[in-house]
N, C-alpha and C. Protein backbone atom coordinates (compact mmCIF):
# COMPACT_ATOMS: atom_id res chain seq x y z
N UNK A 1 111.59 104.91 60.39
CA UNK A 1 111.80 104.53 61.87
C UNK A 1 111.09 103.48 62.18
N UNK A 2 111.57 102.43 62.79
CA UNK A 2 111.09 101.25 63.22
C UNK A 2 110.23 101.44 64.64
N UNK A 3 109.15 100.98 64.70
CA UNK A 3 108.50 101.22 65.98
C UNK A 3 108.40 99.67 66.56
N UNK A 4 108.16 99.55 67.88
CA UNK A 4 107.86 98.28 68.55
C UNK A 4 106.41 97.91 68.56
N UNK A 5 106.13 96.61 68.04
CA UNK A 5 104.62 96.28 68.00
C UNK A 5 104.58 94.88 68.65
N UNK A 6 103.30 94.57 68.97
CA UNK A 6 102.99 93.16 69.41
C UNK A 6 101.65 92.90 68.60
N UNK A 7 101.51 91.55 68.14
CA UNK A 7 100.38 91.05 67.49
C UNK A 7 99.95 89.69 68.17
N UNK A 8 98.96 89.76 68.75
CA UNK A 8 98.20 88.66 69.32
C UNK A 8 97.15 88.10 68.47
N UNK A 9 97.05 86.87 68.19
CA UNK A 9 96.09 86.34 67.42
C UNK A 9 95.63 84.86 67.81
N UNK A 10 94.41 84.49 67.32
CA UNK A 10 93.86 83.34 67.91
C UNK A 10 93.57 82.43 66.47
N UNK A 11 94.13 81.21 66.50
CA UNK A 11 93.95 80.48 65.37
C UNK A 11 92.93 79.40 65.53
N UNK A 12 92.21 78.85 64.62
CA UNK A 12 91.11 77.84 64.76
C UNK A 12 91.60 76.63 65.33
N UNK A 13 90.90 76.04 66.34
CA UNK A 13 91.29 74.77 66.91
C UNK A 13 91.29 73.40 66.17
N UNK A 14 90.96 73.46 64.96
CA UNK A 14 90.83 72.28 64.22
C UNK A 14 92.39 72.01 63.49
N UNK A 15 93.25 73.02 63.81
CA UNK A 15 94.67 72.70 63.26
C UNK A 15 95.42 71.63 64.16
N UNK A 16 96.19 71.06 63.57
CA UNK A 16 97.24 70.15 64.32
C UNK A 16 98.36 71.13 64.83
N UNK A 17 99.20 70.46 65.81
CA UNK A 17 100.23 71.39 66.13
C UNK A 17 101.14 71.79 65.13
N UNK A 18 101.65 70.94 64.24
CA UNK A 18 102.61 71.42 63.08
C UNK A 18 101.75 72.44 62.28
N UNK A 19 100.51 72.11 61.82
CA UNK A 19 99.87 73.38 61.24
C UNK A 19 99.82 74.62 61.93
N UNK A 20 99.66 74.65 63.30
CA UNK A 20 99.57 75.94 63.99
C UNK A 20 101.00 76.56 63.91
N UNK A 21 101.94 75.84 64.16
CA UNK A 21 103.32 76.37 64.06
C UNK A 21 103.56 77.01 62.62
N UNK A 22 103.03 76.23 61.61
CA UNK A 22 103.40 76.76 60.29
C UNK A 22 102.60 78.07 59.97
N UNK A 23 101.36 78.28 60.41
CA UNK A 23 100.60 79.35 60.43
C UNK A 23 101.47 80.51 61.16
N UNK A 24 101.89 80.35 62.24
CA UNK A 24 102.60 81.29 63.00
C UNK A 24 103.92 81.74 62.13
N UNK A 25 104.56 80.75 61.70
CA UNK A 25 105.78 80.95 60.92
C UNK A 25 105.42 81.84 59.64
N UNK A 26 104.32 81.59 59.17
CA UNK A 26 103.90 82.33 57.87
C UNK A 26 103.95 83.89 58.24
N UNK A 27 103.12 84.23 59.45
CA UNK A 27 103.21 85.59 59.74
C UNK A 27 104.48 86.31 60.06
N UNK A 28 105.24 85.33 60.87
CA UNK A 28 106.70 85.71 61.15
C UNK A 28 107.42 86.07 59.94
N UNK A 29 107.48 85.11 58.85
CA UNK A 29 108.17 85.44 57.54
C UNK A 29 107.61 86.48 56.94
N UNK A 30 106.35 86.89 56.97
CA UNK A 30 105.84 88.07 56.24
C UNK A 30 106.51 89.29 56.89
N UNK A 31 106.55 89.31 58.15
CA UNK A 31 107.20 90.59 58.81
C UNK A 31 108.72 90.73 58.45
N UNK A 32 109.37 89.50 58.38
CA UNK A 32 110.73 89.52 58.05
C UNK A 32 111.00 89.95 56.61
N UNK A 33 110.28 89.54 55.68
CA UNK A 33 110.06 89.83 54.26
C UNK A 33 110.13 91.42 54.03
N UNK A 34 109.30 92.13 55.08
CA UNK A 34 109.06 93.48 54.97
C UNK A 34 110.07 94.32 55.76
N UNK A 35 111.09 93.76 56.15
CA UNK A 35 112.18 94.44 56.89
C UNK A 35 111.99 94.51 58.46
N UNK A 36 111.24 93.62 58.87
CA UNK A 36 110.93 93.61 60.39
C UNK A 36 111.90 92.71 61.06
N UNK A 37 112.04 92.88 62.43
CA UNK A 37 112.82 92.05 63.12
C UNK A 37 111.99 91.51 64.28
N UNK A 38 111.85 90.18 64.38
CA UNK A 38 111.22 89.37 65.31
C UNK A 38 111.96 89.51 66.74
N UNK A 39 111.33 89.93 67.79
CA UNK A 39 111.85 90.06 69.13
C UNK A 39 111.53 88.89 69.85
N UNK A 40 110.22 88.49 69.83
CA UNK A 40 109.91 87.41 70.63
C UNK A 40 108.69 86.67 70.01
N UNK A 41 108.62 85.43 70.27
CA UNK A 41 107.43 84.63 69.70
C UNK A 41 106.97 83.64 70.94
N UNK A 42 105.59 83.68 71.03
CA UNK A 42 105.12 82.87 72.19
C UNK A 42 103.89 82.09 71.58
N UNK A 43 103.89 80.80 71.78
CA UNK A 43 102.70 80.00 71.48
C UNK A 43 102.18 79.59 72.78
N UNK A 44 100.96 80.10 73.06
CA UNK A 44 100.20 79.83 74.37
C UNK A 44 99.43 78.51 74.24
N UNK A 45 99.36 77.99 73.25
CA UNK A 45 98.57 76.70 73.01
C UNK A 45 97.11 76.89 72.94
N UNK A 46 96.42 75.77 73.18
CA UNK A 46 95.03 75.61 73.09
C UNK A 46 94.47 76.30 74.38
N UNK A 47 93.42 77.20 74.15
CA UNK A 47 92.83 77.80 75.38
C UNK A 47 91.37 77.96 75.10
N UNK A 48 90.68 78.08 76.28
CA UNK A 48 89.13 78.33 75.97
C UNK A 48 88.90 79.76 75.82
N UNK A 49 87.98 80.06 74.77
CA UNK A 49 87.64 81.30 74.59
C UNK A 49 86.48 81.85 75.49
N UNK A 50 86.59 83.20 75.66
CA UNK A 50 85.60 83.84 76.50
C UNK A 50 84.16 83.73 76.10
N UNK A 51 83.98 83.65 74.78
CA UNK A 51 82.69 83.47 73.99
C UNK A 51 83.01 82.77 72.63
N UNK A 52 81.97 81.99 72.36
CA UNK A 52 82.13 81.37 70.96
C UNK A 52 82.51 82.27 69.83
N UNK A 53 83.41 81.92 68.99
CA UNK A 53 83.58 82.65 67.77
C UNK A 53 83.57 81.59 66.58
N UNK A 54 82.58 82.12 65.66
CA UNK A 54 82.54 81.14 64.44
C UNK A 54 82.02 79.73 64.98
N UNK A 55 81.31 79.47 66.15
CA UNK A 55 80.90 78.36 66.58
C UNK A 55 81.95 77.62 67.32
N UNK A 56 82.97 78.17 67.47
CA UNK A 56 84.21 77.40 68.27
C UNK A 56 84.42 78.12 69.67
N UNK A 57 84.67 77.04 70.56
CA UNK A 57 84.89 77.67 72.00
C UNK A 57 86.29 77.45 72.43
N UNK A 58 87.28 77.03 71.64
CA UNK A 58 88.68 77.01 71.95
C UNK A 58 89.49 77.59 70.74
N UNK A 59 90.71 77.96 70.91
CA UNK A 59 91.53 78.35 69.81
C UNK A 59 92.97 78.41 70.26
N UNK A 60 93.93 78.38 69.24
CA UNK A 60 95.24 78.47 69.59
C UNK A 60 95.68 79.83 69.71
N UNK A 61 96.18 80.35 70.78
CA UNK A 61 96.88 81.65 71.08
C UNK A 61 98.26 81.73 70.65
N UNK A 62 98.53 82.80 70.07
CA UNK A 62 99.91 83.23 69.70
C UNK A 62 100.24 84.57 69.72
N UNK A 63 101.54 85.06 70.09
CA UNK A 63 101.94 86.38 70.31
C UNK A 63 103.34 86.72 69.54
N UNK A 64 103.29 87.79 68.70
CA UNK A 64 104.59 88.03 68.20
C UNK A 64 104.96 89.43 68.66
N UNK A 65 106.20 89.66 69.13
CA UNK A 65 106.65 90.90 69.36
C UNK A 65 107.67 91.33 68.25
N UNK A 66 107.73 92.47 67.79
CA UNK A 66 108.60 92.61 66.51
C UNK A 66 108.80 94.26 66.48
N UNK A 67 109.87 94.65 65.67
CA UNK A 67 109.94 96.00 65.29
C UNK A 67 109.83 96.15 63.77
N UNK A 68 109.11 97.06 63.31
CA UNK A 68 108.81 97.18 61.95
C UNK A 68 108.41 98.56 61.53
N UNK A 69 108.40 98.98 60.31
CA UNK A 69 107.84 100.36 59.72
C UNK A 69 106.42 100.26 60.02
N UNK A 70 106.01 101.39 60.33
CA UNK A 70 104.30 101.40 60.65
C UNK A 70 103.59 101.02 59.24
N UNK A 71 104.01 101.35 58.08
CA UNK A 71 103.08 100.80 56.96
C UNK A 71 103.13 99.34 56.73
N UNK A 72 103.96 98.62 57.23
CA UNK A 72 103.82 97.19 57.27
C UNK A 72 102.72 96.49 58.18
N UNK A 73 102.23 97.36 59.07
CA UNK A 73 100.94 96.91 59.99
C UNK A 73 99.89 96.54 59.08
N UNK A 74 99.48 97.50 58.09
CA UNK A 74 98.46 97.20 57.21
C UNK A 74 98.60 96.02 56.40
N UNK A 75 99.72 95.72 56.01
CA UNK A 75 100.06 94.34 55.25
C UNK A 75 99.80 93.19 56.14
N UNK A 76 100.29 93.24 57.47
CA UNK A 76 100.21 92.24 58.40
C UNK A 76 98.64 91.99 58.54
N UNK A 77 97.87 93.07 58.86
CA UNK A 77 96.49 92.85 59.16
C UNK A 77 95.81 92.36 58.05
N UNK A 78 96.13 92.77 56.78
CA UNK A 78 95.48 92.26 55.56
C UNK A 78 95.73 90.71 55.43
N UNK A 79 96.95 90.18 55.72
CA UNK A 79 97.21 88.83 55.76
C UNK A 79 96.28 88.18 56.93
N UNK A 80 96.19 88.66 58.14
CA UNK A 80 95.34 88.05 59.00
C UNK A 80 93.99 88.07 58.64
N UNK A 81 93.38 88.90 57.94
CA UNK A 81 92.06 88.94 57.53
C UNK A 81 91.63 87.99 56.31
N UNK A 82 92.81 87.68 55.68
CA UNK A 82 92.56 86.72 54.32
C UNK A 82 92.77 85.34 54.84
N UNK A 83 93.57 85.17 55.84
CA UNK A 83 93.88 83.73 56.36
C UNK A 83 92.55 83.26 57.13
N UNK A 84 91.91 82.02 56.68
CA UNK A 84 90.68 81.55 57.12
C UNK A 84 91.07 80.75 58.44
N UNK A 85 92.39 80.77 58.88
CA UNK A 85 92.75 79.88 60.09
C UNK A 85 92.63 80.97 61.40
N UNK A 86 92.65 82.23 60.96
CA UNK A 86 92.80 83.25 62.09
C UNK A 86 91.25 83.61 62.47
N UNK A 87 91.04 83.34 63.64
CA UNK A 87 89.65 83.67 64.36
C UNK A 87 89.63 85.19 64.68
N UNK A 88 90.60 85.50 65.45
CA UNK A 88 90.70 86.99 65.80
C UNK A 88 92.06 87.50 65.89
N UNK A 89 92.46 88.84 65.84
CA UNK A 89 93.66 89.28 65.90
C UNK A 89 93.69 90.66 66.55
N UNK A 90 94.68 90.99 67.06
CA UNK A 90 94.97 92.50 67.58
C UNK A 90 96.47 92.84 67.45
N UNK A 91 96.75 93.78 66.76
CA UNK A 91 98.06 94.33 66.65
C UNK A 91 98.08 95.81 67.25
N UNK A 92 99.19 95.96 68.00
CA UNK A 92 99.30 97.45 68.56
C UNK A 92 100.74 97.76 68.70
N UNK A 93 100.88 99.13 68.61
CA UNK A 93 102.21 99.76 68.97
C UNK A 93 102.45 99.85 70.48
N UNK A 94 103.69 99.37 70.97
CA UNK A 94 104.06 99.46 72.29
C UNK A 94 104.70 100.87 72.48
N UNK A 95 104.31 101.56 73.65
CA UNK A 95 105.06 102.82 74.07
C UNK A 95 106.24 102.32 74.83
N UNK A 96 107.12 103.22 75.32
CA UNK A 96 108.40 102.79 75.98
C UNK A 96 108.02 102.11 77.14
N UNK A 97 107.08 102.34 77.94
CA UNK A 97 106.81 101.41 79.21
C UNK A 97 106.25 100.02 78.97
N UNK A 98 105.42 99.96 77.92
CA UNK A 98 104.97 98.65 77.59
C UNK A 98 106.26 97.89 76.93
N UNK A 99 106.99 98.56 76.27
CA UNK A 99 108.08 97.75 75.72
C UNK A 99 109.12 97.32 76.64
N UNK A 100 109.42 98.08 77.76
CA UNK A 100 110.06 97.72 78.95
C UNK A 100 109.53 96.73 79.56
N UNK A 101 108.38 96.65 79.81
CA UNK A 101 107.70 95.59 80.58
C UNK A 101 107.66 94.16 79.74
N UNK A 102 107.39 94.31 78.35
CA UNK A 102 107.57 93.14 77.46
C UNK A 102 109.02 92.64 77.61
N UNK A 103 109.95 93.41 77.61
CA UNK A 103 111.44 92.93 77.51
C UNK A 103 111.72 92.22 78.89
N UNK A 104 111.08 92.83 80.15
CA UNK A 104 111.32 92.10 81.42
C UNK A 104 110.61 90.79 81.44
N UNK A 105 109.40 90.67 80.90
CA UNK A 105 108.58 89.27 80.88
C UNK A 105 109.40 88.43 79.92
N UNK A 106 109.88 88.87 78.83
CA UNK A 106 110.70 87.99 77.96
C UNK A 106 111.80 87.30 78.79
N UNK A 107 112.60 88.13 79.35
CA UNK A 107 113.77 87.83 80.19
C UNK A 107 113.38 86.72 81.19
N UNK A 108 112.36 86.91 81.81
CA UNK A 108 111.89 86.02 82.92
C UNK A 108 111.54 84.63 82.24
N UNK A 109 110.90 84.66 81.20
CA UNK A 109 110.58 83.55 80.61
C UNK A 109 111.73 82.88 80.12
N UNK A 110 112.67 83.60 79.59
CA UNK A 110 114.07 82.80 79.26
C UNK A 110 114.72 82.16 80.32
N UNK A 111 114.57 82.84 81.57
CA UNK A 111 115.25 82.20 82.66
C UNK A 111 114.42 80.96 83.05
N UNK A 112 113.13 81.05 82.97
CA UNK A 112 112.49 79.71 83.36
C UNK A 112 112.69 78.53 82.39
N UNK A 113 112.87 78.94 81.11
CA UNK A 113 113.23 77.77 80.11
C UNK A 113 114.63 77.25 80.46
N UNK A 114 115.63 78.01 80.74
CA UNK A 114 116.95 77.61 81.22
C UNK A 114 117.05 76.76 82.29
N UNK A 115 116.08 77.19 83.26
CA UNK A 115 116.08 76.34 84.42
C UNK A 115 115.54 74.87 84.38
N UNK A 116 114.46 74.89 83.37
CA UNK A 116 113.85 73.54 83.07
C UNK A 116 114.59 72.47 82.46
């Protein structure tokens, strides 16, 4: 049974824009290879951190929303831990209310992009 998940992660700020996109692609491809379906991908860009992590005060924020089997989450988190570009990560299962909210937010973002 596939569950709905979100994974938010912060990448080190020393990366260039193409390197950041490549790192996000890597995690997206890992999910696809393990039978996952990517529902949404958001790259929030370079943001100031609330507190320094590994001596860095900024980081690239990214969010993936996906459907996947529960055992694949352990594989994803292992990949996050092994990648030196990842400063922090959080992955969690969405309940039906959180999934509905994420869907609405995704639709609003799509409308904004179409208008621009």
